[in-house]
Amino acid sequence: MKKLTILFCLICNFAFADIINFNTNSNNLFPNDLVIADNFVFTEMGQSMTLGTAMNDIPLVASNGTVHLIDWAGAGMMSFMRMNAVDQSAFSLSAFDFSSGYLDGSNMAGVLFVRGFDANGVMTGMERFNGADFTFNAFTTLSLGAAFENVSFVTFMAQGPQNRVGYDNFVVNQVVSVSEPASLAILLAGMAGIMLKRRKTT
C-alpha cells in the first residue's frame, strides 16, 4: 500500500494550501507601491503609492491583532492592487480576510471587486462584495469560487470616497508538477522491473 501511495504522488500533480499573511512584514510600513509576502507580490495599481503593512494598533483603525496589508484611495474613489506569485506561476485563491474604513465610520469602501486573470491577461471571473458581504470596521473572511482556480494574477478594487481597506490571510493553493511524462515512463518501467524481480526471488 505504501508503494502505491508513493507511485500515485509521483504520477499525479498535487496541490497544497498555504496562508499568505504579513506577520513577518514591518509594522506601519507605508506608503509603498509594492509589498512582498510569502513568495507573493502585491502591487499598487492606483495613481499613488498607497499600499503598505500595519498592525493598526491604534484605536481609530480596525485591527485583527497582526500585521496585515492596507490600501487606500487617497484623494480619489478607488483603491486598487494586484496579486501574483513572485515566479509568475499559476495559483488558486479561495478566500481572504477584508476590512473597510475607520472606526469613526469614515473612509468606507461600499463595494469590492475581485477579478481573476489567466496568463494571457484574459479575465477568468469576477466576484463583487458589498456591505451585505463584509462587516465595516472589522475583518471578515470572503470566499471565492472556481473562477479563481489556476489564475495568473488577481486584482482587488475597492470603491468609496478616500476608502481605506485591509487584507490578510490569503488562502492560496499552488499546483505542483512533480514530473514530466517521459520521466514518469522511465520511472514506471524501473519500478515495474524491481517489483517483478522481487516476485521471482520470493
N, C-alpha and C. Protein backbone atom coordinates (compact mmCIF):
# COMPACT_ATOMS: atom_id res chain seq x y z
N MET A 1 0.82 -1.20 0.00
CA MET A 1 0.00 0.00 0.00
C MET A 1 0.86 1.26 0.00
N LYS A 2 1.95 1.23 0.76
CA LYS A 2 2.85 2.37 0.83
C LYS A 2 3.47 2.66 -0.53
N LYS A 3 3.84 1.57 -1.26
CA LYS A 3 4.42 1.75 -2.59
C LYS A 3 3.42 2.39 -3.55
N LEU A 4 2.16 1.97 -3.46
CA LEU A 4 1.14 2.52 -4.33
C LEU A 4 0.91 4.00 -4.05
N THR A 5 0.96 4.38 -2.78
CA THR A 5 0.78 5.79 -2.40
C THR A 5 1.90 6.64 -2.98
N ILE A 6 3.13 6.16 -2.85
CA ILE A 6 4.29 6.89 -3.38
C ILE A 6 4.17 7.02 -4.89
N LEU A 7 3.79 5.92 -5.55
CA LEU A 7 3.65 5.93 -7.00
C LEU A 7 2.57 6.92 -7.44
N PHE A 8 1.45 6.95 -6.71
CA PHE A 8 0.37 7.86 -7.04
C PHE A 8 0.84 9.32 -6.95
N CYS A 9 1.60 9.63 -5.93
CA CYS A 9 2.10 11.00 -5.74
C CYS A 9 3.07 11.39 -6.85
N LEU A 10 3.84 10.42 -7.32
CA LEU A 10 4.80 10.70 -8.38
C LEU A 10 4.12 10.90 -9.72
N ILE A 11 3.05 10.15 -9.97
CA ILE A 11 2.37 10.23 -11.25
C ILE A 11 1.55 11.51 -11.35
N CYS A 12 0.88 11.88 -10.28
CA CYS A 12 -0.08 12.98 -10.33
C CYS A 12 0.56 14.29 -9.89
N ASN A 13 -0.01 15.37 -10.40
CA ASN A 13 0.27 16.66 -9.81
C ASN A 13 -0.51 16.73 -8.50
N PHE A 14 -0.03 17.54 -7.56
CA PHE A 14 -0.76 17.68 -6.33
C PHE A 14 -0.78 19.14 -5.92
N ALA A 15 -1.77 19.48 -5.09
CA ALA A 15 -1.92 20.87 -4.66
C ALA A 15 -1.77 20.94 -3.16
N PHE A 16 -1.22 22.05 -2.68
CA PHE A 16 -1.13 22.26 -1.25
C PHE A 16 -1.62 23.66 -0.93
N ALA A 17 -2.27 23.78 0.22
CA ALA A 17 -2.83 25.06 0.64
C ALA A 17 -1.83 25.79 1.52
N ASP A 18 -1.83 27.09 1.42
CA ASP A 18 -0.95 27.91 2.23
C ASP A 18 -1.70 29.19 2.59
N ILE A 19 -1.41 29.74 3.74
CA ILE A 19 -2.00 31.00 4.19
C ILE A 19 -0.96 32.10 3.99
N ILE A 20 -1.27 33.03 3.11
CA ILE A 20 -0.37 34.15 2.87
C ILE A 20 -0.76 35.27 3.83
N ASN A 21 0.12 35.53 4.81
CA ASN A 21 -0.12 36.64 5.73
C ASN A 21 1.09 37.56 5.75
N PHE A 22 1.06 38.55 6.58
CA PHE A 22 2.08 39.60 6.59
C PHE A 22 2.75 39.71 7.96
N ASN A 23 2.72 38.59 8.70
CA ASN A 23 3.21 38.61 10.08
C ASN A 23 4.69 38.91 10.18
N THR A 24 5.46 38.61 9.14
CA THR A 24 6.90 38.90 9.17
C THR A 24 7.23 40.23 8.50
N ASN A 25 6.22 40.93 7.99
CA ASN A 25 6.44 42.25 7.39
C ASN A 25 6.47 43.32 8.48
N SER A 26 7.03 44.47 8.14
CA SER A 26 7.18 45.54 9.12
C SER A 26 5.85 46.19 9.47
N ASN A 27 5.71 46.57 10.74
CA ASN A 27 4.53 47.30 11.18
C ASN A 27 4.66 48.77 10.79
N ASN A 28 3.54 49.34 10.37
CA ASN A 28 3.48 50.76 9.99
C ASN A 28 4.49 51.10 8.89
N LEU A 29 4.57 50.24 7.87
CA LEU A 29 5.44 50.48 6.73
C LEU A 29 4.59 50.90 5.54
N PHE A 30 4.53 52.21 5.25
CA PHE A 30 3.76 52.73 4.13
C PHE A 30 4.14 54.21 3.97
N PRO A 31 3.90 54.83 2.82
CA PRO A 31 3.28 54.21 1.64
C PRO A 31 4.33 53.53 0.75
N ASN A 32 3.88 52.54 0.01
CA ASN A 32 4.74 51.84 -0.94
C ASN A 32 3.98 51.59 -2.23
N ASP A 33 4.70 51.11 -3.24
CA ASP A 33 4.00 50.72 -4.46
C ASP A 33 3.93 49.20 -4.60
N LEU A 34 4.66 48.47 -3.71
CA LEU A 34 4.51 47.01 -3.70
C LEU A 34 4.92 46.44 -2.35
N VAL A 35 4.34 45.28 -2.02
CA VAL A 35 4.64 44.55 -0.80
C VAL A 35 4.84 43.09 -1.18
N ILE A 36 5.88 42.46 -0.62
CA ILE A 36 6.16 41.04 -0.88
C ILE A 36 5.96 40.26 0.41
N ALA A 37 5.21 39.15 0.32
CA ALA A 37 4.97 38.29 1.48
C ALA A 37 4.81 36.86 1.01
N ASP A 38 5.55 35.94 1.62
CA ASP A 38 5.40 34.51 1.36
C ASP A 38 5.40 34.18 -0.13
N ASN A 39 6.39 34.74 -0.85
CA ASN A 39 6.57 34.48 -2.29
C ASN A 39 5.44 35.00 -3.17
N PHE A 40 4.70 35.97 -2.66
CA PHE A 40 3.69 36.64 -3.47
C PHE A 40 3.96 38.14 -3.46
N VAL A 41 3.64 38.79 -4.59
CA VAL A 41 3.83 40.22 -4.74
C VAL A 41 2.47 40.90 -4.81
N PHE A 42 2.31 41.95 -4.03
CA PHE A 42 1.10 42.77 -4.05
C PHE A 42 1.52 44.15 -4.54
N THR A 43 0.98 44.56 -5.68
CA THR A 43 1.41 45.78 -6.35
C THR A 43 0.29 46.81 -6.38
N GLU A 44 0.63 48.06 -6.03
CA GLU A 44 -0.33 49.15 -6.10
C GLU A 44 -0.63 49.47 -7.57
N MET A 45 -1.91 49.49 -7.92
CA MET A 45 -2.31 49.75 -9.29
C MET A 45 -2.99 51.12 -9.43
N GLY A 46 -3.13 51.84 -8.33
CA GLY A 46 -3.77 53.15 -8.37
C GLY A 46 -2.80 54.23 -8.82
N GLN A 47 -3.18 55.47 -8.64
CA GLN A 47 -2.39 56.58 -9.13
C GLN A 47 -1.29 57.03 -8.17
N SER A 48 -1.35 56.57 -6.92
CA SER A 48 -0.32 56.97 -5.96
C SER A 48 0.13 55.77 -5.14
N MET A 49 1.29 55.90 -4.48
CA MET A 49 1.82 54.80 -3.69
C MET A 49 1.06 54.73 -2.36
N THR A 50 0.02 53.94 -2.32
CA THR A 50 -0.84 53.90 -1.14
C THR A 50 -1.00 52.49 -0.60
N LEU A 51 0.01 51.66 -0.78
CA LEU A 51 -0.01 50.29 -0.27
C LEU A 51 0.96 50.19 0.90
N GLY A 52 0.66 49.35 1.87
CA GLY A 52 1.57 49.21 2.99
C GLY A 52 1.18 48.07 3.91
N THR A 53 1.92 47.93 5.00
CA THR A 53 1.62 46.92 6.02
C THR A 53 1.57 47.60 7.39
N ALA A 54 0.64 47.16 8.22
CA ALA A 54 0.49 47.73 9.56
C ALA A 54 -0.30 46.79 10.45
N MET A 55 -0.09 46.91 11.76
CA MET A 55 -0.88 46.16 12.72
C MET A 55 -2.14 46.93 13.10
N ASN A 56 -2.12 48.25 12.87
CA ASN A 56 -3.23 49.11 13.24
C ASN A 56 -3.54 49.01 14.73
N ASP A 57 -2.49 49.09 15.55
CA ASP A 57 -2.66 49.00 17.00
C ASP A 57 -2.95 50.38 17.60
N ILE A 58 -3.84 51.12 16.93
CA ILE A 58 -4.32 52.41 17.45
C ILE A 58 -5.85 52.36 17.45
N PRO A 59 -6.50 53.09 18.33
CA PRO A 59 -7.96 52.97 18.50
C PRO A 59 -8.77 53.33 17.26
N LEU A 60 -8.23 54.16 16.36
CA LEU A 60 -9.02 54.67 15.24
C LEU A 60 -9.29 53.62 14.16
N VAL A 61 -8.42 52.61 14.05
CA VAL A 61 -8.45 51.72 12.88
C VAL A 61 -8.76 50.29 13.29
N ALA A 62 -9.54 49.58 12.45
CA ALA A 62 -9.84 48.17 12.68
C ALA A 62 -8.55 47.34 12.64
N SER A 63 -8.45 46.37 13.54
CA SER A 63 -7.26 45.53 13.60
C SER A 63 -7.64 44.09 13.89
N ASN A 64 -6.85 43.15 13.34
CA ASN A 64 -7.05 41.73 13.67
C ASN A 64 -5.93 41.23 14.59
N GLY A 65 -5.15 42.16 15.13
CA GLY A 65 -4.11 41.81 16.08
C GLY A 65 -2.78 41.43 15.47
N THR A 66 -2.70 41.39 14.13
CA THR A 66 -1.45 41.06 13.46
C THR A 66 -1.18 42.09 12.36
N VAL A 67 0.04 42.12 11.87
CA VAL A 67 0.35 42.97 10.72
C VAL A 67 -0.41 42.46 9.51
N HIS A 68 -1.03 43.36 8.77
CA HIS A 68 -1.78 42.99 7.58
C HIS A 68 -1.53 44.02 6.48
N LEU A 69 -2.05 43.74 5.31
CA LEU A 69 -1.89 44.62 4.16
C LEU A 69 -2.95 45.71 4.21
N ILE A 70 -2.56 46.94 3.90
CA ILE A 70 -3.51 48.04 3.83
C ILE A 70 -3.39 48.74 2.48
N ASP A 71 -4.51 49.26 2.00
CA ASP A 71 -4.54 50.03 0.76
C ASP A 71 -5.59 51.11 0.92
N TRP A 72 -5.37 52.26 0.29
CA TRP A 72 -6.37 53.31 0.40
C TRP A 72 -6.36 54.19 -0.85
N ALA A 73 -7.47 54.90 -1.01
CA ALA A 73 -7.69 55.63 -2.26
C ALA A 73 -7.09 57.03 -2.26
N GLY A 74 -6.55 57.49 -1.14
CA GLY A 74 -6.01 58.84 -1.09
C GLY A 74 -7.12 59.85 -1.30
N ALA A 75 -6.95 60.68 -2.31
CA ALA A 75 -7.95 61.71 -2.59
C ALA A 75 -9.00 61.24 -3.59
N GLY A 76 -8.90 60.01 -4.05
CA GLY A 76 -9.80 59.53 -5.09
C GLY A 76 -10.92 58.65 -4.56
N MET A 77 -11.47 57.84 -5.46
CA MET A 77 -12.61 56.98 -5.16
C MET A 77 -12.26 55.49 -5.21
N MET A 78 -11.01 55.15 -5.51
CA MET A 78 -10.71 53.75 -5.77
C MET A 78 -9.34 53.37 -5.23
N SER A 79 -9.29 52.29 -4.40
CA SER A 79 -8.02 51.66 -4.05
C SER A 79 -7.92 50.39 -4.90
N PHE A 80 -6.73 50.13 -5.44
CA PHE A 80 -6.62 49.13 -6.49
C PHE A 80 -5.26 48.46 -6.39
N MET A 81 -5.24 47.13 -6.23
CA MET A 81 -3.97 46.41 -6.17
C MET A 81 -4.07 45.09 -6.93
N ARG A 82 -2.88 44.52 -7.20
CA ARG A 82 -2.76 43.26 -7.94
C ARG A 82 -1.94 42.28 -7.12
N MET A 83 -2.30 41.00 -7.21
CA MET A 83 -1.59 39.91 -6.50
C MET A 83 -1.12 38.88 -7.51
N ASN A 84 0.16 38.51 -7.44
CA ASN A 84 0.67 37.42 -8.27
C ASN A 84 1.86 36.76 -7.57
N ALA A 85 2.17 35.53 -7.97
CA ALA A 85 3.32 34.82 -7.41
C ALA A 85 4.60 35.49 -7.88
N VAL A 86 5.63 35.47 -7.04
CA VAL A 86 6.92 36.07 -7.40
C VAL A 86 7.46 35.47 -8.69
N ASP A 87 7.32 34.15 -8.85
CA ASP A 87 7.84 33.48 -10.05
C ASP A 87 6.83 33.43 -11.19
N GLN A 88 5.73 34.18 -11.05
CA GLN A 88 4.69 34.27 -12.08
C GLN A 88 3.95 32.96 -12.32
N SER A 89 4.08 31.98 -11.43
CA SER A 89 3.40 30.69 -11.61
C SER A 89 1.91 30.83 -11.29
N ALA A 90 1.13 29.88 -11.81
CA ALA A 90 -0.31 29.89 -11.59
C ALA A 90 -0.64 29.47 -10.15
N PHE A 91 -1.76 29.94 -9.66
CA PHE A 91 -2.19 29.60 -8.31
C PHE A 91 -3.71 29.69 -8.25
N SER A 92 -4.28 29.19 -7.17
CA SER A 92 -5.70 29.31 -6.92
C SER A 92 -5.90 30.08 -5.61
N LEU A 93 -6.86 30.98 -5.61
CA LEU A 93 -7.17 31.77 -4.42
C LEU A 93 -8.60 31.46 -4.00
N SER A 94 -8.76 30.94 -2.78
CA SER A 94 -10.10 30.52 -2.36
C SER A 94 -10.74 31.44 -1.33
N ALA A 95 -9.94 32.21 -0.58
CA ALA A 95 -10.51 33.10 0.44
C ALA A 95 -9.47 34.10 0.92
N PHE A 96 -9.95 35.15 1.57
CA PHE A 96 -9.07 36.15 2.19
C PHE A 96 -9.89 36.93 3.20
N ASP A 97 -9.18 37.63 4.12
CA ASP A 97 -9.84 38.48 5.12
C ASP A 97 -9.83 39.92 4.64
N PHE A 98 -10.92 40.64 4.91
CA PHE A 98 -11.07 42.00 4.38
C PHE A 98 -11.68 42.91 5.44
N SER A 99 -11.19 44.14 5.52
CA SER A 99 -11.78 45.16 6.39
C SER A 99 -11.90 46.46 5.63
N SER A 100 -12.79 47.33 6.10
CA SER A 100 -13.04 48.59 5.40
C SER A 100 -13.25 49.73 6.39
N GLY A 101 -12.54 50.84 6.17
CA GLY A 101 -12.81 52.08 6.87
C GLY A 101 -12.18 52.23 8.24
N TYR A 102 -12.46 53.37 8.84
CA TYR A 102 -12.02 53.71 10.18
C TYR A 102 -13.16 53.46 11.18
N LEU A 103 -12.81 53.38 12.44
CA LEU A 103 -13.81 53.09 13.47
C LEU A 103 -14.83 54.20 13.66
N ASP A 104 -14.51 55.42 13.20
CA ASP A 104 -15.46 56.52 13.33
C ASP A 104 -16.46 56.55 12.16
N GLY A 105 -16.38 55.54 11.29
CA GLY A 105 -17.32 55.46 10.18
C GLY A 105 -16.88 56.16 8.92
N SER A 106 -15.68 56.68 8.90
CA SER A 106 -15.19 57.39 7.70
C SER A 106 -14.37 56.45 6.82
N ASN A 107 -14.12 56.89 5.60
CA ASN A 107 -13.25 56.21 4.63
C ASN A 107 -13.68 54.77 4.35
N MET A 108 -14.97 54.57 4.25
CA MET A 108 -15.50 53.24 3.97
C MET A 108 -15.47 52.92 2.48
N ALA A 109 -15.30 51.64 2.16
CA ALA A 109 -15.48 51.15 0.79
C ALA A 109 -16.86 50.52 0.70
N GLY A 110 -17.67 50.98 -0.24
CA GLY A 110 -19.01 50.44 -0.37
C GLY A 110 -19.06 49.15 -1.15
N VAL A 111 -18.05 48.91 -1.99
CA VAL A 111 -18.04 47.72 -2.83
C VAL A 111 -16.60 47.30 -3.12
N LEU A 112 -16.38 46.00 -3.23
CA LEU A 112 -15.07 45.44 -3.56
C LEU A 112 -15.24 44.50 -4.75
N PHE A 113 -14.46 44.75 -5.81
CA PHE A 113 -14.45 43.87 -6.97
C PHE A 113 -13.15 43.06 -6.96
N VAL A 114 -13.28 41.75 -7.07
CA VAL A 114 -12.11 40.86 -7.15
C VAL A 114 -12.18 40.16 -8.50
N ARG A 115 -11.09 40.26 -9.28
CA ARG A 115 -11.07 39.69 -10.63
C ARG A 115 -9.86 38.76 -10.79
N GLY A 116 -10.09 37.61 -11.42
CA GLY A 116 -9.02 36.68 -11.72
C GLY A 116 -8.68 36.71 -13.19
N PHE A 117 -7.39 36.49 -13.52
CA PHE A 117 -6.91 36.55 -14.90
C PHE A 117 -5.98 35.36 -15.19
N ASP A 118 -6.01 34.90 -16.45
CA ASP A 118 -5.09 33.83 -16.85
C ASP A 118 -3.78 34.42 -17.33
N ALA A 119 -2.87 33.56 -17.82
CA ALA A 119 -1.54 34.01 -18.23
C ALA A 119 -1.57 34.97 -19.41
N ASN A 120 -2.66 34.95 -20.19
CA ASN A 120 -2.80 35.85 -21.34
C ASN A 120 -3.49 37.16 -20.97
N GLY A 121 -3.78 37.34 -19.69
CA GLY A 121 -4.45 38.56 -19.26
C GLY A 121 -5.94 38.56 -19.50
N VAL A 122 -6.52 37.38 -19.81
CA VAL A 122 -7.95 37.27 -20.03
C VAL A 122 -8.64 37.00 -18.69
N MET A 123 -9.69 37.75 -18.40
CA MET A 123 -10.37 37.60 -17.11
C MET A 123 -11.09 36.25 -17.04
N THR A 124 -10.83 35.51 -15.97
CA THR A 124 -11.46 34.21 -15.76
C THR A 124 -12.74 34.30 -14.95
N GLY A 125 -12.90 35.39 -14.20
CA GLY A 125 -14.09 35.55 -13.40
C GLY A 125 -14.00 36.76 -12.50
N MET A 126 -15.14 37.13 -11.92
CA MET A 126 -15.19 38.29 -11.04
C MET A 126 -16.17 38.03 -9.90
N GLU A 127 -15.80 38.50 -8.71
CA GLU A 127 -16.70 38.48 -7.56
C GLU A 127 -16.90 39.93 -7.10
N ARG A 128 -18.15 40.26 -6.79
CA ARG A 128 -18.47 41.59 -6.26
C ARG A 128 -18.97 41.42 -4.82
N PHE A 129 -18.32 42.13 -3.89
CA PHE A 129 -18.73 42.11 -2.49
C PHE A 129 -19.16 43.52 -2.09
N ASN A 130 -20.18 43.62 -1.24
CA ASN A 130 -20.61 44.93 -0.73
C ASN A 130 -20.90 44.83 0.76
N GLY A 131 -21.56 45.87 1.29
CA GLY A 131 -21.79 45.92 2.73
C GLY A 131 -22.55 44.75 3.29
N ALA A 132 -23.29 44.05 2.46
CA ALA A 132 -24.02 42.87 2.95
C ALA A 132 -23.10 41.66 3.10
N ASP A 133 -21.92 41.75 2.48
CA ASP A 133 -20.98 40.62 2.50
C ASP A 133 -19.88 40.76 3.54
N PHE A 134 -19.56 41.99 3.92
CA PHE A 134 -18.50 42.19 4.91
C PHE A 134 -18.96 43.17 5.99
N THR A 135 -18.30 43.07 7.14
CA THR A 135 -18.62 43.92 8.28
C THR A 135 -17.68 45.12 8.31
N PHE A 136 -18.23 46.33 8.35
CA PHE A 136 -17.40 47.52 8.44
C PHE A 136 -16.64 47.54 9.78
N ASN A 137 -15.43 48.07 9.74
CA ASN A 137 -14.60 48.25 10.94
C ASN A 137 -14.12 46.94 11.56
N ALA A 138 -14.23 45.84 10.84
CA ALA A 138 -13.76 44.55 11.35
C ALA A 138 -13.36 43.67 10.17
N PHE A 139 -12.54 42.67 10.44
CA PHE A 139 -12.11 41.76 9.37
C PHE A 139 -13.16 40.67 9.16
N THR A 140 -13.52 40.46 7.91
CA THR A 140 -14.47 39.43 7.50
C THR A 140 -13.82 38.52 6.48
N THR A 141 -14.03 37.21 6.58
CA THR A 141 -13.50 36.28 5.59
C THR A 141 -14.42 36.23 4.38
N LEU A 142 -13.87 36.50 3.20
CA LEU A 142 -14.62 36.46 1.95
C LEU A 142 -14.13 35.27 1.13
N SER A 143 -15.05 34.49 0.58
CA SER A 143 -14.71 33.29 -0.18
C SER A 143 -14.90 33.51 -1.67
N LEU A 144 -14.04 32.86 -2.47
CA LEU A 144 -14.08 32.97 -3.92
C LEU A 144 -14.45 31.63 -4.54
N GLY A 145 -14.97 31.66 -5.76
CA GLY A 145 -15.42 30.45 -6.43
C GLY A 145 -14.38 29.85 -7.36
N ALA A 146 -14.87 28.93 -8.20
CA ALA A 146 -13.99 28.15 -9.09
C ALA A 146 -13.30 29.01 -10.14
N ALA A 147 -13.83 30.19 -10.42
CA ALA A 147 -13.21 31.07 -11.42
C ALA A 147 -11.82 31.54 -10.99
N PHE A 148 -11.48 31.34 -9.72
CA PHE A 148 -10.18 31.79 -9.22
C PHE A 148 -9.21 30.63 -9.03
N GLU A 149 -9.48 29.51 -9.69
CA GLU A 149 -8.57 28.38 -9.71
C GLU A 149 -7.64 28.49 -10.92
N ASN A 150 -6.36 28.25 -10.70
CA ASN A 150 -5.36 28.25 -11.77
C ASN A 150 -5.30 29.61 -12.48
N VAL A 151 -5.20 30.67 -11.69
CA VAL A 151 -5.10 32.02 -12.26
C VAL A 151 -3.64 32.47 -12.24
N SER A 152 -3.36 33.46 -13.08
CA SER A 152 -2.01 34.02 -13.15
C SER A 152 -1.85 35.23 -12.23
N PHE A 153 -2.93 36.02 -12.12
CA PHE A 153 -2.93 37.13 -11.16
C PHE A 153 -4.36 37.49 -10.82
N VAL A 154 -4.51 38.19 -9.70
CA VAL A 154 -5.82 38.62 -9.20
C VAL A 154 -5.74 40.10 -8.87
N THR A 155 -6.80 40.85 -9.19
CA THR A 155 -6.85 42.26 -8.83
C THR A 155 -7.96 42.51 -7.82
N PHE A 156 -7.75 43.50 -6.97
CA PHE A 156 -8.70 43.89 -5.92
C PHE A 156 -8.96 45.39 -6.06
N MET A 157 -10.20 45.77 -6.31
CA MET A 157 -10.55 47.17 -6.49
C MET A 157 -11.70 47.53 -5.55
N ALA A 158 -11.40 48.38 -4.57
CA ALA A 158 -12.42 48.84 -3.61
C ALA A 158 -12.84 50.25 -3.99
N GLN A 159 -14.14 50.52 -3.96
CA GLN A 159 -14.65 51.82 -4.35
C GLN A 159 -15.36 52.49 -3.18
N GLY A 160 -15.13 53.80 -3.05
CA GLY A 160 -15.70 54.62 -1.99
C GLY A 160 -14.81 55.82 -1.78
N PRO A 161 -15.34 56.98 -1.41
CA PRO A 161 -14.53 58.19 -1.27
C PRO A 161 -13.37 58.01 -0.29
N GLN A 162 -12.16 58.19 -0.78
CA GLN A 162 -10.94 58.09 0.03
C GLN A 162 -10.94 56.82 0.89
N ASN A 163 -11.45 55.72 0.32
CA ASN A 163 -11.60 54.50 1.11
C ASN A 163 -10.27 53.94 1.57
N ARG A 164 -10.33 53.33 2.73
CA ARG A 164 -9.17 52.67 3.33
C ARG A 164 -9.57 51.23 3.64
N VAL A 165 -8.82 50.25 3.13
CA VAL A 165 -9.19 48.84 3.29
C VAL A 165 -8.00 48.03 3.77
N GLY A 166 -8.29 46.87 4.36
CA GLY A 166 -7.24 45.97 4.84
C GLY A 166 -7.46 44.56 4.31
N TYR A 167 -6.35 43.83 4.11
CA TYR A 167 -6.40 42.46 3.62
C TYR A 167 -5.47 41.60 4.46
N ASP A 168 -5.81 40.33 4.61
CA ASP A 168 -4.93 39.41 5.34
C ASP A 168 -5.36 37.97 5.04
N ASN A 169 -4.48 37.03 5.37
CA ASN A 169 -4.78 35.59 5.34
C ASN A 169 -5.36 35.11 4.01
N PHE A 170 -4.61 35.35 2.94
CA PHE A 170 -5.00 34.85 1.62
C PHE A 170 -4.79 33.34 1.58
N VAL A 171 -5.85 32.58 1.30
CA VAL A 171 -5.76 31.12 1.24
C VAL A 171 -5.44 30.74 -0.20
N VAL A 172 -4.21 30.28 -0.41
CA VAL A 172 -3.69 30.01 -1.75
C VAL A 172 -3.42 28.53 -1.92
N ASN A 173 -3.80 27.99 -3.07
CA ASN A 173 -3.48 26.61 -3.43
C ASN A 173 -2.61 26.63 -4.69
N GLN A 174 -1.40 26.12 -4.57
CA GLN A 174 -0.50 26.07 -5.71
C GLN A 174 -0.39 24.64 -6.20
N VAL A 175 -0.49 24.46 -7.53
CA VAL A 175 -0.36 23.15 -8.13
C VAL A 175 1.11 22.86 -8.38
N VAL A 176 1.56 21.72 -7.88
CA VAL A 176 2.97 21.35 -8.02
C VAL A 176 3.10 20.21 -9.00
N SER A 177 3.83 20.42 -10.07
CA SER A 177 4.06 19.38 -11.07
C SER A 177 5.31 18.61 -10.68
N VAL A 178 5.16 17.30 -10.45
CA VAL A 178 6.28 16.50 -9.95
C VAL A 178 7.21 16.06 -11.06
N SER A 179 6.65 15.60 -12.17
CA SER A 179 7.50 15.04 -13.21
C SER A 179 6.83 15.14 -14.56
N GLU A 180 7.63 15.21 -15.62
CA GLU A 180 7.10 15.24 -16.97
C GLU A 180 6.81 13.82 -17.44
N PRO A 181 5.99 13.61 -18.49
CA PRO A 181 5.59 12.28 -18.93
C PRO A 181 6.74 11.34 -19.28
N ALA A 182 7.77 11.86 -19.94
CA ALA A 182 8.89 10.99 -20.32
C ALA A 182 9.60 10.44 -19.09
N SER A 183 9.81 11.31 -18.10
CA SER A 183 10.46 10.87 -16.87
C SER A 183 9.60 9.87 -16.13
N LEU A 184 8.29 10.09 -16.16
CA LEU A 184 7.38 9.16 -15.49
C LEU A 184 7.41 7.79 -16.15
N ALA A 185 7.50 7.74 -17.48
CA ALA A 185 7.55 6.47 -18.18
C ALA A 185 8.77 5.67 -17.77
N ILE A 186 9.92 6.33 -17.67
CA ILE A 186 11.15 5.66 -17.24
C ILE A 186 11.02 5.18 -15.80
N LEU A 187 10.44 6.04 -14.96
CA LEU A 187 10.26 5.69 -13.55
C LEU A 187 9.36 4.47 -13.39
N LEU A 188 8.24 4.46 -14.12
CA LEU A 188 7.30 3.36 -14.04
C LEU A 188 7.92 2.05 -14.53
N ALA A 189 8.67 2.13 -15.62
CA ALA A 189 9.33 0.93 -16.14
C ALA A 189 10.33 0.38 -15.13
N GLY A 190 11.07 1.27 -14.49
CA GLY A 190 12.04 0.84 -13.49
C GLY A 190 11.37 0.21 -12.28
N MET A 191 10.28 0.82 -11.82
CA MET A 191 9.57 0.27 -10.66
C MET A 191 8.93 -1.08 -10.98
N ALA A 192 8.43 -1.21 -12.23
CA ALA A 192 7.84 -2.49 -12.63
C ALA A 192 8.89 -3.59 -12.65
N GLY A 193 10.09 -3.26 -13.12
CA GLY A 193 11.19 -4.22 -13.14
C GLY A 193 11.59 -4.67 -11.74
N ILE A 194 11.65 -3.73 -10.82
CA ILE A 194 12.02 -4.05 -9.43
C ILE A 194 10.98 -4.98 -8.80
N MET A 195 9.70 -4.67 -9.04
CA MET A 195 8.64 -5.50 -8.45
C MET A 195 8.63 -6.91 -9.03
N LEU A 196 8.90 -7.04 -10.36
CA LEU A 196 8.98 -8.37 -10.97
C LEU A 196 10.14 -9.17 -10.41
N LYS A 197 11.27 -8.48 -10.23
CA LYS A 197 12.45 -9.16 -9.69
C LYS A 197 12.19 -9.67 -8.28
N ARG A 198 11.51 -8.87 -7.46
CA ARG A 198 11.22 -9.27 -6.08
C ARG A 198 10.26 -10.46 -6.05
N ARG A 199 9.32 -10.50 -6.99
CA ARG A 199 8.37 -11.61 -7.04
C ARG A 199 9.08 -12.93 -7.37
N LYS A 200 10.05 -12.85 -8.27
CA LYS A 200 10.77 -14.05 -8.68
C LYS A 200 11.64 -14.59 -7.56
N THR A 201 12.17 -13.70 -6.75
CA THR A 201 13.09 -14.13 -5.68
C THR A 201 12.34 -14.63 -4.45
N THR A 202 11.03 -14.37 -4.36
CA THR A 202 10.28 -14.83 -3.17
C THR A 202 9.55 -16.12 -3.43
